Amino acid sequence: MEALIAIAIGVLTTCGVYLLLRARTFPVVLGLTLLSYGVNLFLFAMGRLTVGAPAIIEPARAAYTDPLPQALVLTAIVIGFGMTAFVVVLALRARADLGTDHVDGDQ
Protein backbone atom coordinates (compact mmCIF):
# COMPACT_ATOMS: atom_id res chain seq x y z
CA MET A 1 0.00 0.00 0.00
CA GLU A 2 2.89 2.38 0.69
CA ALA A 3 4.21 1.86 -2.82
CA LEU A 4 0.80 2.65 -4.31
CA ILE A 5 0.56 5.91 -2.37
CA ALA A 6 4.14 6.83 -3.30
CA ILE A 7 3.41 6.16 -6.98
CA ALA A 8 0.20 8.23 -6.80
CA ILE A 9 2.08 11.14 -5.20
CA GLY A 10 4.80 10.89 -7.84
CA VAL A 11 2.35 10.76 -10.74
CA LEU A 12 0.33 13.73 -9.43
CA THR A 13 3.47 15.79 -8.88
CA THR A 14 4.98 14.86 -12.25
CA CYS A 15 1.80 15.63 -14.17
CA GLY A 16 1.38 18.88 -12.24
CA VAL A 17 4.90 20.09 -13.03
CA TYR A 18 4.53 19.05 -16.69
CA LEU A 19 1.29 20.98 -17.03
CA LEU A 20 2.77 24.01 -15.26
CA LEU A 21 5.37 24.23 -18.02
CA ARG A 22 2.77 24.43 -20.80
CA ALA A 23 2.20 27.67 -22.72
CA ARG A 24 -1.57 27.99 -22.26
CA THR A 25 -3.43 29.13 -19.17
CA PHE A 26 -5.84 26.21 -18.71
CA PRO A 27 -3.07 23.57 -18.47
CA VAL A 28 -1.24 25.84 -16.02
CA VAL A 29 -4.34 26.03 -13.79
CA LEU A 30 -4.80 22.26 -14.06
CA GLY A 31 -1.11 21.74 -13.22
CA LEU A 32 -1.39 23.90 -10.11
CA THR A 33 -4.40 21.90 -9.01
CA LEU A 34 -2.69 18.54 -9.56
CA LEU A 35 0.42 19.74 -7.77
CA SER A 36 -1.64 20.84 -4.78
CA TYR A 37 -3.39 17.44 -4.73
CA GLY A 38 0.00 15.74 -4.71
CA VAL A 39 1.22 17.89 -1.82
CA ASN A 40 -2.01 17.25 0.12
CA LEU A 41 -1.67 13.50 -0.36
CA PHE A 42 1.97 13.70 0.73
CA LEU A 43 1.06 15.61 3.90
CA PHE A 44 -1.75 13.19 4.65
CA ALA A 45 0.49 10.15 4.13
CA MET A 46 3.20 11.57 6.37
CA GLY A 47 0.71 11.68 9.26
CA ARG A 48 0.83 7.89 9.75
CA LEU A 49 -2.88 7.59 10.41
CA THR A 50 -3.99 4.98 12.92
CA VAL A 51 -7.35 3.32 12.31
CA GLY A 52 -9.69 3.29 15.30
CA ALA A 53 -7.46 5.44 17.52
CA PRO A 54 -8.67 8.74 18.96
CA ALA A 55 -7.10 12.08 18.09
CA ILE A 56 -6.84 12.97 21.77
CA ILE A 57 -3.66 12.26 23.70
CA GLU A 58 -4.37 10.63 27.04
CA PRO A 59 -1.74 9.43 29.52
CA ALA A 60 -3.18 5.89 29.62
CA ARG A 61 -3.44 5.49 25.82
CA ALA A 62 -0.58 3.99 23.87
CA ALA A 63 -1.97 4.61 20.36
CA TYR A 64 -3.41 7.87 19.12
CA THR A 65 -3.79 9.66 15.82
CA ASP A 66 -1.89 12.89 15.30
CA PRO A 67 -4.50 15.52 14.30
CA LEU A 68 -1.92 17.99 12.90
CA PRO A 69 -1.59 16.44 9.38
CA GLN A 70 -5.37 16.35 9.05
CA ALA A 71 -5.60 20.02 10.01
CA LEU A 72 -2.79 20.91 7.60
CA VAL A 73 -4.48 19.09 4.71
CA LEU A 74 -7.83 20.70 5.45
CA THR A 75 -6.21 24.14 5.48
CA ALA A 76 -4.30 23.35 2.27
CA ILE A 77 -7.52 22.29 0.53
CA VAL A 78 -9.18 25.61 1.37
CA ILE A 79 -6.12 27.63 0.32
CA GLY A 80 -5.82 25.58 -2.90
CA PHE A 81 -9.45 26.24 -3.77
CA GLY A 82 -9.01 29.97 -3.25
CA MET A 83 -5.79 29.97 -5.28
CA THR A 84 -7.46 28.08 -8.13
CA ALA A 85 -10.39 30.50 -8.20
CA PHE A 86 -8.00 33.48 -8.26
CA VAL A 87 -5.88 32.02 -11.07
CA VAL A 88 -8.98 31.21 -13.16
CA VAL A 89 -10.24 34.79 -12.81
CA LEU A 90 -6.76 36.11 -13.59
CA ALA A 91 -6.59 33.92 -16.72
CA LEU A 92 -10.04 35.06 -17.86
CA ARG A 93 -9.05 38.70 -17.38
CA ALA A 94 -5.81 38.19 -19.32
CA ARG A 95 -7.76 36.49 -22.10
CA ALA A 96 -10.20 39.41 -22.27
CA ASP A 97 -7.48 42.08 -22.26
CA LEU A 98 -4.91 40.43 -24.52
CA GLY A 99 -7.14 38.35 -26.79
CA THR A 100 -5.10 35.19 -26.30
CA ASP A 101 -4.72 32.56 -23.61
CA HIS A 102 -0.97 32.20 -24.11
CA VAL A 103 0.98 32.58 -20.88
CA ASP A 104 3.40 35.14 -22.35
CA GLY A 105 0.52 37.06 -23.93
CA ASP A 106 2.29 37.79 -27.21
CA GLN A 107 1.25 34.89 -29.42
PDB file of N, CA and C in Angstrom:
ATOM      1  N   MET A   1       0.811  -1.186   0.000  1.00  0.00           N
ATOM      2  CA  MET A   1       0.000   0.000   0.000  1.00  0.00           C
ATOM      3  C   MET A   1       0.866   1.266   0.000  1.00  0.00           C
ATOM      4  N   GLU A   2       2.013   1.209   0.673  1.00  0.00           N
ATOM      5  CA  GLU A   2       2.894   2.376   0.690  1.00  0.00           C
ATOM      6  C   GLU A   2       3.424   2.687  -0.697  1.00  0.00           C
ATOM      7  N   ALA A   3       3.716   1.637  -1.461  1.00  0.00           N
ATOM      8  CA  ALA A   3       4.211   1.856  -2.824  1.00  0.00           C
ATOM      9  C   ALA A   3       3.140   2.485  -3.703  1.00  0.00           C
ATOM     10  N   LEU A   4       1.895   2.078  -3.519  1.00  0.00           N
ATOM     11  CA  LEU A   4       0.801   2.655  -4.307  1.00  0.00           C
ATOM     12  C   LEU A   4       0.622   4.137  -3.998  1.00  0.00           C
ATOM     13  N   ILE A   5       0.694   4.501  -2.743  1.00  0.00           N
ATOM     14  CA  ILE A   5       0.562   5.914  -2.368  1.00  0.00           C
ATOM     15  C   ILE A   5       1.758   6.708  -2.881  1.00  0.00           C
ATOM     16  N   ALA A   6       2.953   6.141  -2.800  1.00  0.00           N
ATOM     17  CA  ALA A   6       4.143   6.829  -3.298  1.00  0.00           C
ATOM     18  C   ALA A   6       4.061   7.035  -4.808  1.00  0.00           C
ATOM     19  N   ILE A   7       3.567   6.026  -5.528  1.00  0.00           N
ATOM     20  CA  ILE A   7       3.412   6.160  -6.976  1.00  0.00           C
ATOM     21  C   ILE A   7       2.359   7.210  -7.301  1.00  0.00           C
ATOM     22  N   ALA A   8       1.251   7.228  -6.560  1.00  0.00           N
ATOM     23  CA  ALA A   8       0.204   8.228  -6.800  1.00  0.00           C
ATOM     24  C   ALA A   8       0.725   9.639  -6.551  1.00  0.00           C
ATOM     25  N   ILE A   9       1.500   9.821  -5.483  1.00  0.00           N
ATOM     26  CA  ILE A   9       2.077  11.143  -5.203  1.00  0.00           C
ATOM     27  C   ILE A   9       3.044  11.541  -6.317  1.00  0.00           C
ATOM     28  N   GLY A  10       3.858  10.614  -6.762  1.00  0.00           N
ATOM     29  CA  GLY A  10       4.798  10.893  -7.843  1.00  0.00           C
ATOM     30  C   GLY A  10       4.119  11.236  -9.150  1.00  0.00           C
ATOM     31  N   VAL A  11       3.067  10.502  -9.492  1.00  0.00           N
ATOM     32  CA  VAL A  11       2.350  10.765 -10.745  1.00  0.00           C
ATOM     33  C   VAL A  11       1.651  12.124 -10.688  1.00  0.00           C
ATOM     34  N   LEU A  12       0.993  12.429  -9.564  1.00  0.00           N
ATOM     35  CA  LEU A  12       0.330  13.728  -9.431  1.00  0.00           C
ATOM     36  C   LEU A  12       1.332  14.875  -9.521  1.00  0.00           C
ATOM     37  N   THR A  13       2.467  14.736  -8.859  1.00  0.00           N
ATOM     38  CA  THR A  13       3.471  15.787  -8.881  1.00  0.00           C
ATOM     39  C   THR A  13       4.085  15.931 -10.268  1.00  0.00           C
ATOM     40  N   THR A  14       4.389  14.820 -10.913  1.00  0.00           N
ATOM     41  CA  THR A  14       4.984  14.864 -12.248  1.00  0.00           C
ATOM     42  C   THR A  14       4.037  15.485 -13.258  1.00  0.00           C
ATOM     43  N   CYS A  15       2.786  15.061 -13.243  1.00  0.00           N
ATOM     44  CA  CYS A  15       1.802  15.630 -14.169  1.00  0.00           C
ATOM     45  C   CYS A  15       1.565  17.111 -13.878  1.00  0.00           C
ATOM     46  N   GLY A  16       1.563  17.480 -12.604  1.00  0.00           N
ATOM     47  CA  GLY A  16       1.381  18.877 -12.244  1.00  0.00           C
ATOM     48  C   GLY A  16       2.512  19.760 -12.737  1.00  0.00           C
ATOM     49  N   VAL A  17       3.751  19.308 -12.562  1.00  0.00           N
ATOM     50  CA  VAL A  17       4.897  20.087 -13.029  1.00  0.00           C
ATOM     51  C   VAL A  17       4.910  20.153 -14.558  1.00  0.00           C
ATOM     52  N   TYR A  18       4.579  19.060 -15.227  1.00  0.00           N
ATOM     53  CA  TYR A  18       4.533  19.051 -16.692  1.00  0.00           C
ATOM     54  C   TYR A  18       3.498  20.053 -17.203  1.00  0.00           C
ATOM     55  N   LEU A  19       2.321  20.060 -16.574  1.00  0.00           N
ATOM     56  CA  LEU A  19       1.286  20.984 -17.026  1.00  0.00           C
ATOM     57  C   LEU A  19       1.605  22.426 -16.663  1.00  0.00           C
ATOM     58  N   LEU A  20       2.353  22.648 -15.596  1.00  0.00           N
ATOM     59  CA  LEU A  20       2.768  24.012 -15.256  1.00  0.00           C
ATOM     60  C   LEU A  20       3.693  24.605 -16.314  1.00  0.00           C
ATOM     61  N   LEU A  21       4.416  23.762 -17.021  1.00  0.00           N
ATOM     62  CA  LEU A  21       5.366  24.234 -18.019  1.00  0.00           C
ATOM     63  C   LEU A  21       4.748  24.429 -19.396  1.00  0.00           C
ATOM     64  N   ARG A  22       3.448  24.234 -19.523  1.00  0.00           N
ATOM     65  CA  ARG A  22       2.770  24.426 -20.804  1.00  0.00           C
ATOM     66  C   ARG A  22       2.621  25.912 -21.098  1.00  0.00           C
ATOM     67  N   ALA A  23       2.259  26.265 -22.312  1.00  0.00           N
ATOM     68  CA  ALA A  23       2.204  27.666 -22.718  1.00  0.00           C
ATOM     69  C   ALA A  23       0.799  28.264 -22.671  1.00  0.00           C
ATOM     70  N   ARG A  24      -0.196  27.477 -22.339  1.00  0.00           N
ATOM     71  CA  ARG A  24      -1.573  27.986 -22.264  1.00  0.00           C
ATOM     72  C   ARG A  24      -2.027  28.060 -20.822  1.00  0.00           C
ATOM     73  N   THR A  25      -3.032  28.877 -20.558  1.00  0.00           N
ATOM     74  CA  THR A  25      -3.426  29.126 -19.168  1.00  0.00           C
ATOM     75  C   THR A  25      -4.200  27.968 -18.552  1.00  0.00           C
ATOM     76  N   PHE A  26      -5.062  27.298 -19.307  1.00  0.00           N
ATOM     77  CA  PHE A  26      -5.837  26.208 -18.707  1.00  0.00           C
ATOM     78  C   PHE A  26      -4.955  25.054 -18.233  1.00  0.00           C
ATOM     79  N   PRO A  27      -3.963  24.602 -19.013  1.00  0.00           N
ATOM     80  CA  PRO A  27      -3.068  23.570 -18.473  1.00  0.00           C
ATOM     81  C   PRO A  27      -2.273  24.042 -17.257  1.00  0.00           C
ATOM     82  N   VAL A  28      -1.952  25.326 -17.182  1.00  0.00           N
ATOM     83  CA  VAL A  28      -1.240  25.837 -16.015  1.00  0.00           C
ATOM     84  C   VAL A  28      -2.127  25.751 -14.776  1.00  0.00           C
ATOM     85  N   VAL A  29      -3.395  26.118 -14.912  1.00  0.00           N
ATOM     86  CA  VAL A  29      -4.335  26.029 -13.790  1.00  0.00           C
ATOM     87  C   VAL A  29      -4.516  24.571 -13.380  1.00  0.00           C
ATOM     88  N   LEU A  30      -4.659  23.685 -14.344  1.00  0.00           N
ATOM     89  CA  LEU A  30      -4.800  22.263 -14.060  1.00  0.00           C
ATOM     90  C   LEU A  30      -3.534  21.706 -13.399  1.00  0.00           C
ATOM     91  N   GLY A  31      -2.368  22.167 -13.823  1.00  0.00           N
ATOM     92  CA  GLY A  31      -1.115  21.739 -13.222  1.00  0.00           C
ATOM     93  C   GLY A  31      -0.984  22.193 -11.778  1.00  0.00           C
ATOM     94  N   LEU A  32      -1.399  23.428 -11.490  1.00  0.00           N
ATOM     95  CA  LEU A  32      -1.389  23.903 -10.107  1.00  0.00           C
ATOM     96  C   LEU A  32      -2.304  23.064  -9.229  1.00  0.00           C
ATOM     97  N   THR A  33      -3.457  22.713  -9.766  1.00  0.00           N
ATOM     98  CA  THR A  33      -4.402  21.897  -9.009  1.00  0.00           C
ATOM     99  C   THR A  33      -3.843  20.506  -8.738  1.00  0.00           C
ATOM    100  N   LEU A  34      -3.272  19.865  -9.753  1.00  0.00           N
ATOM    101  CA  LEU A  34      -2.695  18.535  -9.564  1.00  0.00           C
ATOM    102  C   LEU A  34      -1.509  18.565  -8.600  1.00  0.00           C
ATOM    103  N   LEU A  35      -0.711  19.619  -8.682  1.00  0.00           N
ATOM    104  CA  LEU A  35       0.419  19.740  -7.768  1.00  0.00           C
ATOM    105  C   LEU A  35      -0.057  19.916  -6.329  1.00  0.00           C
ATOM    106  N   SER A  36      -1.114  20.684  -6.134  1.00  0.00           N
ATOM    107  CA  SER A  36      -1.637  20.844  -4.776  1.00  0.00           C
ATOM    108  C   SER A  36      -2.252  19.541  -4.269  1.00  0.00           C
ATOM    109  N   TYR A  37      -2.879  18.761  -5.145  1.00  0.00           N
ATOM    110  CA  TYR A  37      -3.390  17.444  -4.734  1.00  0.00           C
ATOM    111  C   TYR A  37      -2.254  16.526  -4.314  1.00  0.00           C
ATOM    112  N   GLY A  38      -1.151  16.557  -5.062  1.00  0.00           N
ATOM    113  CA  GLY A  38       0.001  15.740  -4.709  1.00  0.00           C
ATOM    114  C   GLY A  38       0.597  16.129  -3.365  1.00  0.00           C
ATOM    115  N   VAL A  39       0.691  17.421  -3.099  1.00  0.00           N
ATOM    116  CA  VAL A  39       1.218  17.889  -1.816  1.00  0.00           C
ATOM    117  C   VAL A  39       0.267  17.511  -0.689  1.00  0.00           C
ATOM    118  N   ASN A  40      -1.044  17.635  -0.914  1.00  0.00           N
ATOM    119  CA  ASN A  40      -2.012  17.248   0.116  1.00  0.00           C
ATOM    120  C   ASN A  40      -1.924  15.763   0.441  1.00  0.00           C
ATOM    121  N   LEU A  41      -1.799  14.941  -0.580  1.00  0.00           N
ATOM    122  CA  LEU A  41      -1.672  13.504  -0.356  1.00  0.00           C
ATOM    123  C   LEU A  41      -0.369  13.179   0.372  1.00  0.00           C
ATOM    124  N   PHE A  42       0.701  13.899   0.040  1.00  0.00           N
ATOM    125  CA  PHE A  42       1.972  13.703   0.733  1.00  0.00           C
ATOM    126  C   PHE A  42       1.853  14.067   2.207  1.00  0.00           C
ATOM    127  N   LEU A  43       1.240  15.206   2.504  1.00  0.00           N
ATOM    128  CA  LEU A  43       1.065  15.608   3.899  1.00  0.00           C
ATOM    129  C   LEU A  43       0.203  14.605   4.663  1.00  0.00           C
ATOM    130  N   PHE A  44      -0.850  14.138   4.008  1.00  0.00           N
ATOM    131  CA  PHE A  44      -1.745  13.188   4.652  1.00  0.00           C
ATOM    132  C   PHE A  44      -1.049  11.854   4.903  1.00  0.00           C
ATOM    133  N   ALA A  45      -0.214  11.425   3.958  1.00  0.00           N
ATOM    134  CA  ALA A  45       0.492  10.150   4.126  1.00  0.00           C
ATOM    135  C   ALA A  45       1.579  10.236   5.184  1.00  0.00           C
ATOM    136  N   MET A  46       2.153  11.406   5.370  1.00  0.00           N
ATOM    137  CA  MET A  46       3.199  11.567   6.375  1.00  0.00           C
ATOM    138  C   MET A  46       2.641  11.571   7.797  1.00  0.00           C
ATOM    139  N   GLY A  47       1.324  11.651   7.940  1.00  0.00           N
ATOM    140  CA  GLY A  47       0.710  11.679   9.256  1.00  0.00           C
ATOM    141  C   GLY A  47       0.628  10.335   9.936  1.00  0.00           C
ATOM    142  N   ARG A  48       0.913   9.250   9.212  1.00  0.00           N
ATOM    143  CA  ARG A  48       0.828   7.891   9.753  1.00  0.00           C
ATOM    144  C   ARG A  48      -0.474   7.688  10.524  1.00  0.00           C
ATOM    145  N   LEU A  49      -1.567   7.707   9.786  1.00  0.00           N
ATOM    146  CA  LEU A  49      -2.878   7.589  10.408  1.00  0.00           C
ATOM    147  C   LEU A  49      -3.057   6.219  11.049  1.00  0.00           C
ATOM    148  N   THR A  50      -3.702   6.204  12.190  1.00  0.00           N
ATOM    149  CA  THR A  50      -3.993   4.982  12.917  1.00  0.00           C
ATOM    150  C   THR A  50      -5.498   4.764  12.894  1.00  0.00           C
ATOM    151  N   VAL A  51      -5.930   3.616  12.416  1.00  0.00           N
ATOM    152  CA  VAL A  51      -7.355   3.325  12.309  1.00  0.00           C
ATOM    153  C   VAL A  51      -7.909   2.973  13.688  1.00  0.00           C
ATOM    154  N   GLY A  52      -9.013   3.602  14.055  1.00  0.00           N
ATOM    155  CA  GLY A  52      -9.688   3.293  15.300  1.00  0.00           C
ATOM    156  C   GLY A  52      -9.080   3.931  16.535  1.00  0.00           C
ATOM    157  N   ALA A  53      -8.088   4.789  16.372  1.00  0.00           N
ATOM    158  CA  ALA A  53      -7.460   5.443  17.518  1.00  0.00           C
ATOM    159  C   ALA A  53      -7.970   6.876  17.619  1.00  0.00           C
ATOM    160  N   PRO A  54      -8.159   7.381  18.814  1.00  0.00           N
ATOM    161  CA  PRO A  54      -8.668   8.743  18.962  1.00  0.00           C
ATOM    162  C   PRO A  54      -7.595   9.782  18.654  1.00  0.00           C
ATOM    163  N   ALA A  55      -8.032  10.988  18.375  1.00  0.00           N
ATOM    164  CA  ALA A  55      -7.103  12.083  18.093  1.00  0.00           C
ATOM    165  C   ALA A  55      -6.762  12.865  19.356  1.00  0.00           C
ATOM    166  N   ILE A  56      -7.092  12.322  20.492  1.00  0.00           N
ATOM    167  CA  ILE A  56      -6.840  12.975  21.771  1.00  0.00           C
ATOM    168  C   ILE A  56      -5.749  12.195  22.505  1.00  0.00           C
ATOM    169  N   ILE A  57      -4.765  12.905  22.985  1.00  0.00           N
ATOM    170  CA  ILE A  57      -3.664  12.262  23.697  1.00  0.00           C
ATOM    171  C   ILE A  57      -4.049  12.132  25.171  1.00  0.00           C
ATOM    172  N   GLU A  58      -4.095  10.905  25.634  1.00  0.00           N
ATOM    173  CA  GLU A  58      -4.369  10.634  27.044  1.00  0.00           C
ATOM    174  C   GLU A  58      -3.166   9.914  27.638  1.00  0.00           C
ATOM    175  N   PRO A  59      -2.907  10.094  28.911  1.00  0.00           N
ATOM    176  CA  PRO A  59      -1.737   9.427  29.517  1.00  0.00           C
ATOM    177  C   PRO A  59      -1.834   7.896  29.488  1.00  0.00           C
ATOM    178  N   ALA A  60      -3.034   7.344  29.569  1.00  0.00           N
ATOM    179  CA  ALA A  60      -3.176   5.887  29.623  1.00  0.00           C
ATOM    180  C   ALA A  60      -3.181   5.251  28.234  1.00  0.00           C
ATOM    181  N   ARG A  61      -3.368   6.032  27.178  1.00  0.00           N
ATOM    182  CA  ARG A  61      -3.444   5.487  25.820  1.00  0.00           C
ATOM    183  C   ARG A  61      -2.058   5.337  25.212  1.00  0.00           C
ATOM    184  N   ALA A  62      -1.856   4.212  24.547  1.00  0.00           N
ATOM    185  CA  ALA A  62      -0.580   3.989  23.872  1.00  0.00           C
ATOM    186  C   ALA A  62      -0.647   4.419  22.414  1.00  0.00           C
ATOM    187  N   ALA A  63      -1.818   4.266  21.773  1.00  0.00           N
ATOM    188  CA  ALA A  63      -1.965   4.608  20.358  1.00  0.00           C
ATOM    189  C   ALA A  63      -2.939   5.771  20.209  1.00  0.00           C
ATOM    190  N   TYR A  64      -2.537   6.743  19.424  1.00  0.00           N
ATOM    191  CA  TYR A  64      -3.409   7.873  19.121  1.00  0.00           C
ATOM    192  C   TYR A  64      -3.070   8.361  17.722  1.00  0.00           C
ATOM    193  N   THR A  65      -3.985   9.100  17.145  1.00  0.00           N
ATOM    194  CA  THR A  65      -3.792   9.661  15.825  1.00  0.00           C
ATOM    195  C   THR A  65      -3.380  11.119  15.965  1.00  0.00           C
ATOM    196  N   ASP A  66      -2.350  11.506  15.267  1.00  0.00           N
ATOM    197  CA  ASP A  66      -1.888  12.889  15.299  1.00  0.00           C
ATOM    198  C   ASP A  66      -2.847  13.745  14.470  1.00  0.00           C
ATOM    199  N   PRO A  67      -3.534  14.720  15.050  1.00  0.00           N
ATOM    200  CA  PRO A  67      -4.496  15.522  14.301  1.00  0.00           C
ATOM    201  C   PRO A  67      -3.850  16.617  13.452  1.00  0.00           C
ATOM    202  N   LEU A  68      -2.570  16.896  13.624  1.00  0.00           N
ATOM    203  CA  LEU A  68      -1.922  17.985  12.903  1.00  0.00           C
ATOM    204  C   LEU A  68      -1.914  17.790  11.386  1.00  0.00           C
ATOM    205  N   PRO A  69      -1.548  16.601  10.842  1.00  0.00           N
ATOM    206  CA  PRO A  69      -1.590  16.440   9.383  1.00  0.00           C
ATOM    207  C   PRO A  69      -2.996  16.614   8.806  1.00  0.00           C
ATOM    208  N   GLN A  70      -4.004  16.174   9.537  1.00  0.00           N
ATOM    209  CA  GLN A  70      -5.375  16.347   9.052  1.00  0.00           C
ATOM    210  C   GLN A  70      -5.741  17.821   9.003  1.00  0.00           C
ATOM    211  N   ALA A  71      -5.332  18.585   9.997  1.00  0.00           N
ATOM    212  CA  ALA A  71      -5.600  20.017  10.009  1.00  0.00           C
ATOM    213  C   ALA A  71      -4.822  20.730   8.899  1.00  0.00           C
ATOM    214  N   LEU A  72      -3.583  20.308   8.672  1.00  0.00           N
ATOM    215  CA  LEU A  72      -2.786  20.907   7.598  1.00  0.00           C
ATOM    216  C   LEU A  72      -3.404  20.649   6.229  1.00  0.00           C
ATOM    217  N   VAL A  73      -3.873  19.428   5.997  1.00  0.00           N
ATOM    218  CA  VAL A  73      -4.475  19.088   4.712  1.00  0.00           C
ATOM    219  C   VAL A  73      -5.789  19.847   4.520  1.00  0.00           C
ATOM    220  N   LEU A  74      -6.587  19.955   5.562  1.00  0.00           N
ATOM    221  CA  LEU A  74      -7.834  20.699   5.451  1.00  0.00           C
ATOM    222  C   LEU A  74      -7.566  22.164   5.124  1.00  0.00           C
ATOM    223  N   THR A  75      -6.578  22.759   5.773  1.00  0.00           N
ATOM    224  CA  THR A  75      -6.211  24.137   5.477  1.00  0.00           C
ATOM    225  C   THR A  75      -5.666  24.266   4.066  1.00  0.00           C
ATOM    226  N   ALA A  76      -4.866  23.308   3.630  1.00  0.00           N
ATOM    227  CA  ALA A  76      -4.302  23.345   2.275  1.00  0.00           C
ATOM    228  C   ALA A  76      -5.376  23.200   1.211  1.00  0.00           C
ATOM    229  N   ILE A  77      -6.419  22.432   1.490  1.00  0.00           N
ATOM    230  CA  ILE A  77      -7.516  22.294   0.531  1.00  0.00           C
ATOM    231  C   ILE A  77      -8.228  23.627   0.354  1.00  0.00           C
ATOM    232  N   VAL A  78      -8.497  24.320   1.452  1.00  0.00           N
ATOM    233  CA  VAL A  78      -9.176  25.613   1.373  1.00  0.00           C
ATOM    234  C   VAL A  78      -8.309  26.643   0.656  1.00  0.00           C
ATOM    235  N   ILE A  79      -7.024  26.693   0.975  1.00  0.00           N
ATOM    236  CA  ILE A  79      -6.120  27.627   0.319  1.00  0.00           C
ATOM    237  C   ILE A  79      -5.982  27.292  -1.168  1.00  0.00           C
ATOM    238  N   GLY A  80      -5.904  25.995  -1.493  1.00  0.00           N
ATOM    239  CA  GLY A  80      -5.816  25.583  -2.896  1.00  0.00           C
ATOM    240  C   GLY A  80      -7.045  25.954  -3.694  1.00  0.00           C
ATOM    241  N   PHE A  81      -8.224  25.842  -3.081  1.00  0.00           N
ATOM    242  CA  PHE A  81      -9.450  26.236  -3.769  1.00  0.00           C
ATOM    243  C   PHE A  81      -9.458  27.735  -4.039  1.00  0.00           C
ATOM    244  N   GLY A  82      -9.064  28.519  -3.060  1.00  0.00           N
ATOM    245  CA  GLY A  82      -9.006  29.966  -3.255  1.00  0.00           C
ATOM    246  C   GLY A  82      -7.985  30.356  -4.305  1.00  0.00           C
ATOM    247  N   MET A  83      -6.826  29.686  -4.296  1.00  0.00           N
ATOM    248  CA  MET A  83      -5.794  29.970  -5.277  1.00  0.00           C
ATOM    249  C   MET A  83      -6.268  29.612  -6.687  1.00  0.00           C
ATOM    250  N   THR A  84      -6.953  28.484  -6.818  1.00  0.00           N
ATOM    251  CA  THR A  84      -7.465  28.079  -8.126  1.00  0.00           C
ATOM    252  C   THR A  84      -8.497  29.069  -8.644  1.00  0.00           C
ATOM    253  N   ALA A  85      -9.394  29.517  -7.788  1.00  0.00           N
ATOM    254  CA  ALA A  85     -10.386  30.500  -8.199  1.00  0.00           C
ATOM    255  C   ALA A  85      -9.720  31.800  -8.641  1.00  0.00           C
ATOM    256  N   PHE A  86      -8.712  32.246  -7.901  1.00  0.00           N
ATOM    257  CA  PHE A  86      -7.999  33.477  -8.258  1.00  0.00           C
ATOM    258  C   PHE A  86      -7.283  33.330  -9.598  1.00  0.00           C
ATOM    259  N   VAL A  87      -6.620  32.214  -9.828  1.00  0.00           N
ATOM    260  CA  VAL A  87      -5.877  32.016 -11.074  1.00  0.00           C
ATOM    261  C   VAL A  87      -6.827  31.907 -12.263  1.00  0.00           C
ATOM    262  N   VAL A  88      -7.998  31.285 -12.070  1.00  0.00           N
ATOM    263  CA  VAL A  88      -8.979  31.206 -13.161  1.00  0.00           C
ATOM    264  C   VAL A  88      -9.475  32.600 -13.529  1.00  0.00           C
ATOM    265  N   VAL A  89      -9.789  33.425 -12.532  1.00  0.00           N
ATOM    266  CA  VAL A  89     -10.238  34.794 -12.812  1.00  0.00           C
ATOM    267  C   VAL A  89      -9.124  35.603 -13.456  1.00  0.00           C
ATOM    268  N   LEU A  90      -7.901  35.422 -12.995  1.00  0.00           N
ATOM    269  CA  LEU A  90      -6.759  36.108 -13.593  1.00  0.00           C
ATOM    270  C   LEU A  90      -6.571  35.690 -15.053  1.00  0.00           C
ATOM    271  N   ALA A  91      -6.726  34.405 -15.347  1.00  0.00           N
ATOM    272  CA  ALA A  91      -6.588  33.916 -16.721  1.00  0.00           C
ATOM    273  C   ALA A  91      -7.710  34.451 -17.609  1.00  0.00           C
ATOM    274  N   LEU A  92      -8.934  34.503 -17.078  1.00  0.00           N
ATOM    275  CA  LEU A  92     -10.039  35.057 -17.862  1.00  0.00           C
ATOM    276  C   LEU A  92      -9.831  36.536 -18.143  1.00  0.00           C
ATOM    277  N   ARG A  93      -9.319  37.269 -17.175  1.00  0.00           N
ATOM    278  CA  ARG A  93      -9.055  38.698 -17.379  1.00  0.00           C
ATOM    279  C   ARG A  93      -7.942  38.903 -18.405  1.00  0.00           C
ATOM    280  N   ALA A  94      -6.898  38.095 -18.343  1.00  0.00           N
ATOM    281  CA  ALA A  94      -5.812  38.191 -19.320  1.00  0.00           C
ATOM    282  C   ALA A  94      -6.304  37.845 -20.713  1.00  0.00           C
ATOM    283  N   ARG A  95      -7.186  36.865 -20.800  1.00  0.00           N
ATOM    284  CA  ARG A  95      -7.763  36.493 -22.105  1.00  0.00           C
ATOM    285  C   ARG A  95      -8.601  37.633 -22.664  1.00  0.00           C
ATOM    286  N   ALA A  96      -9.366  38.304 -21.810  1.00  0.00           N
ATOM    287  CA  ALA A  96     -10.204  39.406 -22.270  1.00  0.00           C
ATOM    288  C   ALA A  96      -9.362  40.616 -22.683  1.00  0.00           C
ATOM    289  N   ASP A  97      -8.308  40.905 -21.945  1.00  0.00           N
ATOM    290  CA  ASP A  97      -7.484  42.078 -22.258  1.00  0.00           C
ATOM    291  C   ASP A  97      -6.549  41.851 -23.432  1.00  0.00           C
ATOM    292  N   LEU A  98      -5.925  40.678 -23.509  1.00  0.00           N
ATOM    293  CA  LEU A  98      -4.910  40.427 -24.524  1.00  0.00           C
ATOM    294  C   LEU A  98      -5.441  39.725 -25.764  1.00  0.00           C
ATOM    295  N   GLY A  99      -6.580  39.057 -25.650  1.00  0.00           N
ATOM    296  CA  GLY A  99      -7.141  38.353 -26.795  1.00  0.00           C
ATOM    297  C   GLY A  99      -6.548  36.982 -27.038  1.00  0.00           C
ATOM    298  N   THR A 100      -5.701  36.505 -26.160  1.00  0.00           N
ATOM    299  CA  THR A 100      -5.103  35.186 -26.299  1.00  0.00           C
ATOM    300  C   THR A 100      -4.972  34.560 -24.918  1.00  0.00           C
ATOM    301  N   ASP A 101      -4.905  33.231 -24.896  1.00  0.00           N
ATOM    302  CA  ASP A 101      -4.721  32.565 -23.611  1.00  0.00           C
ATOM    303  C   ASP A 101      -3.287  32.046 -23.438  1.00  0.00           C
ATOM    304  N   HIS A 102      -2.382  32.563 -24.229  1.00  0.00           N
ATOM    305  CA  HIS A 102      -0.973  32.196 -24.109  1.00  0.00           C
ATOM    306  C   HIS A 102      -0.411  32.829 -22.841  1.00  0.00           C
ATOM    307  N   VAL A 103       0.455  32.113 -22.151  1.00  0.00           N
ATOM    308  CA  VAL A 103       0.977  32.581 -20.876  1.00  0.00           C
ATOM    309  C   VAL A 103       1.797  33.861 -21.055  1.00  0.00           C
ATOM    310  N   ASP A 104       2.588  33.940 -22.118  1.00  0.00           N
ATOM    311  CA  ASP A 104       3.400  35.137 -22.354  1.00  0.00           C
ATOM    312  C   ASP A 104       2.553  36.308 -22.857  1.00  0.00           C
ATOM    313  N   GLY A 105       1.426  36.019 -23.470  1.00  0.00           N
ATOM    314  CA  GLY A 105       0.525  37.057 -23.928  1.00  0.00           C
ATOM    315  C   GLY A 105       0.864  37.652 -25.274  1.00  0.00           C
ATOM    316  N   ASP A 106       1.889  37.167 -25.946  1.00  0.00           N
ATOM    317  CA  ASP A 106       2.294  37.787 -27.212  1.00  0.00           C
ATOM    318  C   ASP A 106       2.091  36.901 -28.426  1.00  0.00           C
ATOM    319  N   GLN A 107       1.420  35.783 -28.264  1.00  0.00           N
ATOM    320  CA  GLN A 107       1.245  34.894 -29.420  1.00  0.00           C
ATOM    321  C   GLN A 107      -0.200  34.675 -29.734  1.00  0.00           C
TER     322      GLN A 107
END
